[in-house]
């Protein structure tokens, strides 16, 4: 069982809602980046027609913190994008993954291939949940 801090990818919120609620009992640090926050507010407000408070309440109930995208993450994103030659296609994934690459933390995502540059620090929600129950 791990108790490592985790970074949650945006796709988890739309495809694994039971996992998000399960997280309220996971007692290590749980974060989304400010990039993920903006992306998910656009999703919930624009596509699901929810009030901005809907997503904020979901984060609060699950005890998920928002971390600002800082210069160190920006540099890591740029260097990884240059190395992979895929910045234009994958910049959001690179930005989300940069939080985990600096710490280093685990990223929970439904799109492992989009974050494969993090190696073994990427987990599917069900896999992470199973390993931590």
N, C-alpha and C. Protein backbone atom coordinates (compact mmCIF):
# COMPACT_ATOMS: atom_id res chain seq x y z
N UNK A 1 0.84 -1.18 0.00
CA UNK A 1 0.00 0.00 0.00
C UNK A 1 0.88 1.24 0.00
N UNK A 2 0.53 2.19 -0.84
CA UNK A 2 1.27 3.45 -0.87
C UNK A 2 0.46 4.51 -0.14
N UNK A 3 1.12 5.53 0.25
CA UNK A 3 0.41 6.70 0.79
C UNK A 3 1.05 7.95 0.20
N UNK A 4 1.41 7.83 -1.05
CA UNK A 4 2.09 8.91 -1.74
C UNK A 4 1.10 9.99 -2.16
N UNK A 5 1.56 11.21 -2.24
CA UNK A 5 0.73 12.27 -2.83
C UNK A 5 0.41 11.91 -4.27
N UNK A 6 -0.77 12.33 -4.73
CA UNK A 6 -1.18 12.03 -6.09
C UNK A 6 -1.64 13.29 -6.81
N UNK A 7 -1.45 13.26 -8.12
CA UNK A 7 -1.96 14.27 -9.03
C UNK A 7 -3.07 13.60 -9.83
N UNK A 8 -4.21 14.24 -9.92
CA UNK A 8 -5.36 13.63 -10.59
C UNK A 8 -5.55 14.30 -11.94
N UNK A 9 -5.59 13.49 -12.98
CA UNK A 9 -5.79 13.97 -14.34
C UNK A 9 -7.26 14.33 -14.53
N UNK A 10 -7.52 15.26 -15.43
CA UNK A 10 -8.88 15.75 -15.66
C UNK A 10 -9.84 14.65 -16.10
N UNK A 11 -9.38 13.69 -16.88
CA UNK A 11 -10.27 12.65 -17.39
C UNK A 11 -10.87 11.79 -16.29
N UNK A 12 -10.24 11.73 -15.15
CA UNK A 12 -10.75 10.92 -14.05
C UNK A 12 -12.09 11.46 -13.55
N UNK A 13 -12.26 12.77 -13.60
CA UNK A 13 -13.49 13.38 -13.08
C UNK A 13 -14.70 13.06 -13.95
N UNK A 14 -14.51 12.86 -15.23
CA UNK A 14 -15.64 12.57 -16.10
C UNK A 14 -15.87 11.08 -16.30
N UNK A 15 -14.86 10.26 -16.06
CA UNK A 15 -14.98 8.83 -16.33
C UNK A 15 -14.94 7.95 -15.09
N UNK A 16 -14.55 8.48 -13.95
CA UNK A 16 -14.36 7.66 -12.74
C UNK A 16 -14.87 8.40 -11.51
N UNK A 17 -16.12 8.80 -11.54
CA UNK A 17 -16.64 9.61 -10.43
C UNK A 17 -16.65 8.85 -9.11
N UNK A 18 -16.85 7.53 -9.13
CA UNK A 18 -16.81 6.77 -7.88
C UNK A 18 -15.42 6.86 -7.25
N UNK A 19 -14.38 6.91 -8.07
CA UNK A 19 -13.02 7.06 -7.57
C UNK A 19 -12.84 8.41 -6.88
N UNK A 20 -13.38 9.46 -7.45
CA UNK A 20 -13.26 10.79 -6.86
C UNK A 20 -13.87 10.80 -5.46
N UNK A 21 -15.03 10.17 -5.30
CA UNK A 21 -15.64 10.12 -3.97
C UNK A 21 -14.86 9.21 -3.03
N UNK A 22 -14.24 8.15 -3.56
CA UNK A 22 -13.41 7.26 -2.76
C UNK A 22 -12.21 8.02 -2.18
N UNK A 23 -11.73 9.00 -2.91
CA UNK A 23 -10.55 9.76 -2.49
C UNK A 23 -10.72 10.49 -1.16
N UNK A 24 -11.94 10.78 -0.75
CA UNK A 24 -12.11 11.50 0.52
C UNK A 24 -11.51 10.72 1.68
N UNK A 25 -11.35 9.40 1.54
CA UNK A 25 -10.76 8.57 2.58
C UNK A 25 -9.28 8.23 2.33
N UNK A 26 -8.72 8.76 1.27
CA UNK A 26 -7.29 8.58 1.01
C UNK A 26 -6.57 9.71 1.72
N UNK A 27 -5.69 9.37 2.64
CA UNK A 27 -5.17 10.36 3.58
C UNK A 27 -3.84 10.99 3.23
N UNK A 28 -3.44 10.90 2.00
CA UNK A 28 -2.25 11.63 1.58
C UNK A 28 -2.70 12.81 0.73
N UNK A 29 -1.77 13.64 0.36
CA UNK A 29 -2.08 14.84 -0.41
C UNK A 29 -2.64 14.46 -1.78
N UNK A 30 -3.71 15.15 -2.17
CA UNK A 30 -4.36 14.94 -3.47
C UNK A 30 -4.48 16.29 -4.12
N UNK A 31 -3.98 16.39 -5.34
CA UNK A 31 -4.02 17.70 -6.00
C UNK A 31 -4.49 17.58 -7.44
N UNK A 32 -4.99 18.70 -7.94
CA UNK A 32 -5.11 18.94 -9.36
C UNK A 32 -4.35 20.24 -9.61
N UNK A 33 -3.85 20.38 -10.81
CA UNK A 33 -3.16 21.63 -11.14
C UNK A 33 -4.19 22.69 -11.49
N UNK A 34 -3.78 23.92 -11.49
CA UNK A 34 -4.67 25.01 -11.89
C UNK A 34 -5.09 24.84 -13.35
N UNK A 35 -4.27 24.17 -14.13
CA UNK A 35 -4.61 23.87 -15.52
C UNK A 35 -5.80 22.91 -15.55
N UNK A 36 -5.73 21.87 -14.75
CA UNK A 36 -6.82 20.90 -14.65
C UNK A 36 -8.09 21.57 -14.12
N UNK A 37 -7.92 22.45 -13.15
CA UNK A 37 -9.08 23.17 -12.61
C UNK A 37 -9.80 23.95 -13.71
N UNK A 38 -9.06 24.68 -14.52
CA UNK A 38 -9.67 25.46 -15.61
C UNK A 38 -10.35 24.53 -16.61
N UNK A 39 -9.68 23.47 -16.97
CA UNK A 39 -10.22 22.52 -17.94
C UNK A 39 -11.54 21.91 -17.41
N UNK A 40 -11.55 21.54 -16.14
CA UNK A 40 -12.75 20.90 -15.58
C UNK A 40 -13.88 21.89 -15.33
N UNK A 41 -13.55 23.12 -14.96
CA UNK A 41 -14.63 24.11 -14.84
C UNK A 41 -15.28 24.33 -16.21
N UNK A 42 -14.48 24.37 -17.27
CA UNK A 42 -15.05 24.50 -18.61
C UNK A 42 -15.97 23.32 -18.92
N UNK A 43 -15.54 22.12 -18.54
CA UNK A 43 -16.35 20.91 -18.77
C UNK A 43 -17.67 20.96 -18.00
N UNK A 44 -17.59 21.22 -16.70
CA UNK A 44 -18.80 21.19 -15.88
C UNK A 44 -19.74 22.36 -16.18
N UNK A 45 -19.19 23.53 -16.40
CA UNK A 45 -20.04 24.70 -16.69
C UNK A 45 -20.55 24.63 -18.13
N UNK A 46 -19.66 24.39 -19.06
CA UNK A 46 -20.02 24.44 -20.48
C UNK A 46 -20.77 23.23 -21.00
N UNK A 47 -20.37 22.02 -20.57
CA UNK A 47 -20.98 20.81 -21.12
C UNK A 47 -22.06 20.22 -20.21
N UNK A 48 -21.86 20.35 -18.91
CA UNK A 48 -22.82 19.77 -17.96
C UNK A 48 -23.79 20.80 -17.40
N UNK A 49 -23.57 22.07 -17.77
CA UNK A 49 -24.45 23.18 -17.36
C UNK A 49 -24.59 23.27 -15.83
N UNK A 50 -23.47 23.10 -15.15
CA UNK A 50 -23.42 23.20 -13.68
C UNK A 50 -22.93 24.59 -13.29
N UNK A 51 -23.26 24.98 -12.09
CA UNK A 51 -22.74 26.22 -11.52
C UNK A 51 -21.26 26.01 -11.17
N UNK A 52 -20.45 27.08 -11.15
CA UNK A 52 -19.04 26.92 -10.76
C UNK A 52 -18.86 26.28 -9.39
N UNK A 53 -19.79 26.51 -8.50
CA UNK A 53 -19.69 25.93 -7.15
C UNK A 53 -19.80 24.41 -7.16
N UNK A 54 -20.40 23.82 -8.20
CA UNK A 54 -20.54 22.37 -8.26
C UNK A 54 -19.17 21.69 -8.18
N UNK A 55 -18.25 22.12 -9.03
CA UNK A 55 -16.92 21.51 -9.04
C UNK A 55 -16.14 21.85 -7.78
N UNK A 56 -16.26 23.08 -7.32
CA UNK A 56 -15.57 23.47 -6.08
C UNK A 56 -16.03 22.61 -4.91
N UNK A 57 -17.32 22.33 -4.84
CA UNK A 57 -17.85 21.48 -3.76
C UNK A 57 -17.36 20.05 -3.89
N UNK A 58 -17.26 19.55 -5.11
CA UNK A 58 -16.74 18.21 -5.33
C UNK A 58 -15.30 18.10 -4.83
N UNK A 59 -14.49 19.10 -5.15
CA UNK A 59 -13.10 19.11 -4.67
C UNK A 59 -13.04 19.17 -3.15
N UNK A 60 -13.85 20.02 -2.56
CA UNK A 60 -13.86 20.16 -1.11
C UNK A 60 -14.27 18.85 -0.44
N UNK A 61 -15.32 18.21 -0.93
CA UNK A 61 -15.80 16.96 -0.32
C UNK A 61 -14.77 15.85 -0.42
N UNK A 62 -14.02 15.83 -1.49
CA UNK A 62 -13.00 14.79 -1.67
C UNK A 62 -11.63 15.22 -1.15
N UNK A 63 -11.56 16.42 -0.60
CA UNK A 63 -10.32 16.95 -0.01
C UNK A 63 -9.18 17.02 -1.03
N UNK A 64 -9.52 17.51 -2.21
CA UNK A 64 -8.55 17.67 -3.29
C UNK A 64 -8.15 19.15 -3.36
N UNK A 65 -6.85 19.40 -3.36
CA UNK A 65 -6.33 20.76 -3.40
C UNK A 65 -6.00 21.17 -4.83
N UNK A 66 -6.03 22.45 -5.08
CA UNK A 66 -5.62 23.00 -6.38
C UNK A 66 -4.24 23.63 -6.19
N UNK A 67 -3.31 23.24 -7.05
CA UNK A 67 -1.97 23.85 -7.01
C UNK A 67 -1.77 24.68 -8.26
N UNK A 68 -1.19 25.84 -8.08
CA UNK A 68 -0.89 26.71 -9.20
C UNK A 68 0.16 26.08 -10.08
N UNK A 69 0.06 26.36 -11.36
CA UNK A 69 1.09 25.96 -12.31
C UNK A 69 2.21 26.98 -12.18
N UNK A 70 3.37 26.52 -11.74
CA UNK A 70 4.49 27.42 -11.44
C UNK A 70 5.57 27.33 -12.52
N UNK A 71 6.54 28.20 -12.41
CA UNK A 71 7.63 28.26 -13.39
C UNK A 71 8.38 26.93 -13.49
N UNK A 72 8.59 26.26 -12.38
CA UNK A 72 9.31 24.98 -12.41
C UNK A 72 8.54 23.95 -13.24
N UNK A 73 7.22 23.91 -13.08
CA UNK A 73 6.40 23.00 -13.89
C UNK A 73 6.42 23.43 -15.36
N UNK A 74 6.42 24.74 -15.60
CA UNK A 74 6.49 25.24 -16.97
C UNK A 74 7.76 24.80 -17.68
N UNK A 75 8.88 24.92 -16.97
CA UNK A 75 10.15 24.49 -17.54
C UNK A 75 10.15 22.98 -17.79
N UNK A 76 9.66 22.21 -16.83
CA UNK A 76 9.61 20.76 -16.99
C UNK A 76 8.72 20.39 -18.18
N UNK A 77 7.60 21.09 -18.33
CA UNK A 77 6.70 20.85 -19.46
C UNK A 77 7.42 21.11 -20.78
N UNK A 78 8.12 22.23 -20.86
CA UNK A 78 8.83 22.58 -22.10
C UNK A 78 9.92 21.56 -22.42
N UNK A 79 10.72 21.19 -21.43
CA UNK A 79 11.80 20.24 -21.66
C UNK A 79 11.27 18.86 -22.07
N UNK A 80 10.20 18.42 -21.43
CA UNK A 80 9.61 17.12 -21.78
C UNK A 80 9.00 17.18 -23.18
N UNK A 81 8.30 18.27 -23.49
CA UNK A 81 7.71 18.43 -24.82
C UNK A 81 8.74 18.44 -25.92
N UNK A 82 9.87 19.11 -25.67
CA UNK A 82 10.96 19.14 -26.65
C UNK A 82 11.54 17.74 -26.82
N UNK A 83 11.76 17.07 -25.71
CA UNK A 83 12.34 15.72 -25.74
C UNK A 83 11.43 14.76 -26.51
N UNK A 84 10.12 14.84 -26.27
CA UNK A 84 9.16 13.94 -26.91
C UNK A 84 8.74 14.41 -28.29
N UNK A 85 8.99 15.68 -28.59
CA UNK A 85 8.58 16.23 -29.87
C UNK A 85 7.07 16.29 -30.03
N UNK A 86 6.36 16.51 -28.92
CA UNK A 86 4.91 16.42 -28.99
C UNK A 86 4.20 17.53 -28.22
N UNK A 87 4.83 18.67 -28.09
CA UNK A 87 4.23 19.72 -27.26
C UNK A 87 2.87 20.17 -27.78
N UNK A 88 2.76 20.44 -29.06
CA UNK A 88 1.50 20.98 -29.61
C UNK A 88 0.34 20.02 -29.43
N UNK A 89 0.58 18.73 -29.55
CA UNK A 89 -0.49 17.75 -29.44
C UNK A 89 -0.84 17.42 -28.00
N UNK A 90 0.13 17.48 -27.11
CA UNK A 90 -0.06 16.96 -25.75
C UNK A 90 0.24 17.96 -24.64
N UNK A 91 0.15 19.26 -24.93
CA UNK A 91 0.62 20.22 -23.93
C UNK A 91 -0.14 20.13 -22.61
N UNK A 92 -1.44 19.88 -22.61
CA UNK A 92 -2.17 19.78 -21.32
C UNK A 92 -1.70 18.58 -20.52
N UNK A 93 -1.52 17.43 -21.18
CA UNK A 93 -1.01 16.25 -20.47
C UNK A 93 0.39 16.50 -19.94
N UNK A 94 1.22 17.15 -20.73
CA UNK A 94 2.57 17.47 -20.27
C UNK A 94 2.53 18.40 -19.06
N UNK A 95 1.61 19.37 -19.09
CA UNK A 95 1.48 20.31 -17.97
C UNK A 95 0.98 19.60 -16.72
N UNK A 96 -0.02 18.74 -16.87
CA UNK A 96 -0.56 18.00 -15.72
C UNK A 96 0.51 17.06 -15.16
N UNK A 97 1.21 16.36 -16.03
CA UNK A 97 2.25 15.45 -15.59
C UNK A 97 3.44 16.13 -14.95
N UNK A 98 3.65 17.39 -15.27
CA UNK A 98 4.82 18.09 -14.71
C UNK A 98 4.73 18.23 -13.20
N UNK A 99 3.54 18.30 -12.65
CA UNK A 99 3.41 18.34 -11.18
C UNK A 99 3.96 17.06 -10.56
N UNK A 100 3.66 15.94 -11.17
CA UNK A 100 4.12 14.66 -10.62
C UNK A 100 5.60 14.44 -10.87
N UNK A 101 6.11 14.95 -11.96
CA UNK A 101 7.51 14.67 -12.30
C UNK A 101 8.47 15.41 -11.39
N UNK A 102 8.06 16.54 -10.86
CA UNK A 102 8.95 17.32 -10.01
C UNK A 102 8.98 16.78 -8.58
N UNK A 103 7.83 16.32 -8.10
CA UNK A 103 7.73 15.96 -6.68
C UNK A 103 8.60 14.77 -6.23
N UNK A 104 8.70 13.61 -6.77
CA UNK A 104 7.84 12.93 -7.73
C UNK A 104 6.63 12.27 -7.05
N UNK A 105 5.51 12.40 -7.69
CA UNK A 105 4.26 11.84 -7.20
C UNK A 105 3.66 10.89 -8.22
N UNK A 106 2.56 10.28 -7.86
CA UNK A 106 1.80 9.40 -8.74
C UNK A 106 0.75 10.24 -9.48
N UNK A 107 0.53 9.94 -10.75
CA UNK A 107 -0.57 10.54 -11.50
C UNK A 107 -1.63 9.47 -11.69
N UNK A 108 -2.85 9.80 -11.34
CA UNK A 108 -3.98 8.90 -11.56
C UNK A 108 -4.71 9.41 -12.80
N UNK A 109 -4.86 8.53 -13.79
CA UNK A 109 -5.44 8.91 -15.07
C UNK A 109 -6.12 7.72 -15.72
N UNK A 110 -7.01 7.99 -16.64
CA UNK A 110 -7.57 6.95 -17.50
C UNK A 110 -6.82 6.88 -18.82
N UNK A 111 -5.86 7.76 -19.01
CA UNK A 111 -5.09 7.84 -20.26
C UNK A 111 -3.61 7.62 -19.99
N UNK A 112 -3.26 6.41 -19.63
CA UNK A 112 -1.87 6.12 -19.28
C UNK A 112 -0.92 6.44 -20.42
N UNK A 113 -1.31 6.15 -21.65
CA UNK A 113 -0.39 6.37 -22.78
C UNK A 113 -0.06 7.85 -22.96
N UNK A 114 -0.97 8.75 -22.56
CA UNK A 114 -0.71 10.18 -22.69
C UNK A 114 0.31 10.68 -21.67
N UNK A 115 0.52 9.89 -20.62
CA UNK A 115 1.45 10.29 -19.57
C UNK A 115 2.55 9.25 -19.39
N UNK A 116 2.81 8.46 -20.41
CA UNK A 116 3.81 7.40 -20.29
C UNK A 116 5.22 7.94 -20.07
N UNK A 117 5.44 9.23 -20.31
CA UNK A 117 6.75 9.82 -20.04
C UNK A 117 7.08 9.82 -18.55
N UNK A 118 6.08 9.55 -17.70
CA UNK A 118 6.31 9.46 -16.24
C UNK A 118 6.68 8.05 -15.79
N UNK A 119 6.68 7.11 -16.72
CA UNK A 119 7.08 5.74 -16.37
C UNK A 119 6.11 5.05 -15.44
N UNK A 120 6.65 4.45 -14.39
CA UNK A 120 5.82 3.64 -13.48
C UNK A 120 5.06 4.46 -12.44
N UNK A 121 5.05 5.77 -12.58
CA UNK A 121 4.31 6.61 -11.63
C UNK A 121 2.94 7.02 -12.15
N UNK A 122 2.41 6.26 -13.11
CA UNK A 122 1.08 6.52 -13.66
C UNK A 122 0.20 5.32 -13.34
N UNK A 123 -1.00 5.58 -12.81
CA UNK A 123 -1.92 4.50 -12.43
C UNK A 123 -3.33 4.79 -12.94
N UNK A 124 -4.03 3.74 -13.26
CA UNK A 124 -5.46 3.83 -13.54
C UNK A 124 -6.20 3.99 -12.21
N UNK A 125 -7.34 4.66 -12.19
CA UNK A 125 -8.08 4.85 -10.93
C UNK A 125 -8.38 3.53 -10.21
N UNK A 126 -8.89 2.53 -10.94
CA UNK A 126 -9.22 1.25 -10.29
C UNK A 126 -7.99 0.55 -9.75
N UNK A 127 -6.90 0.63 -10.46
CA UNK A 127 -5.63 0.03 -10.02
C UNK A 127 -5.15 0.73 -8.75
N UNK A 128 -5.18 2.05 -8.74
CA UNK A 128 -4.75 2.80 -7.57
C UNK A 128 -5.65 2.49 -6.37
N UNK A 129 -6.93 2.47 -6.61
CA UNK A 129 -7.90 2.18 -5.54
C UNK A 129 -7.66 0.77 -4.97
N UNK A 130 -7.48 -0.21 -5.84
CA UNK A 130 -7.24 -1.59 -5.40
C UNK A 130 -5.97 -1.68 -4.56
N UNK A 131 -4.93 -0.99 -4.96
CA UNK A 131 -3.66 -1.03 -4.23
C UNK A 131 -3.71 -0.29 -2.90
N UNK A 132 -4.74 0.52 -2.69
CA UNK A 132 -4.81 1.35 -1.48
C UNK A 132 -6.04 1.09 -0.63
N UNK A 133 -6.76 0.03 -0.90
CA UNK A 133 -7.90 -0.33 -0.05
C UNK A 133 -7.46 -1.18 1.11
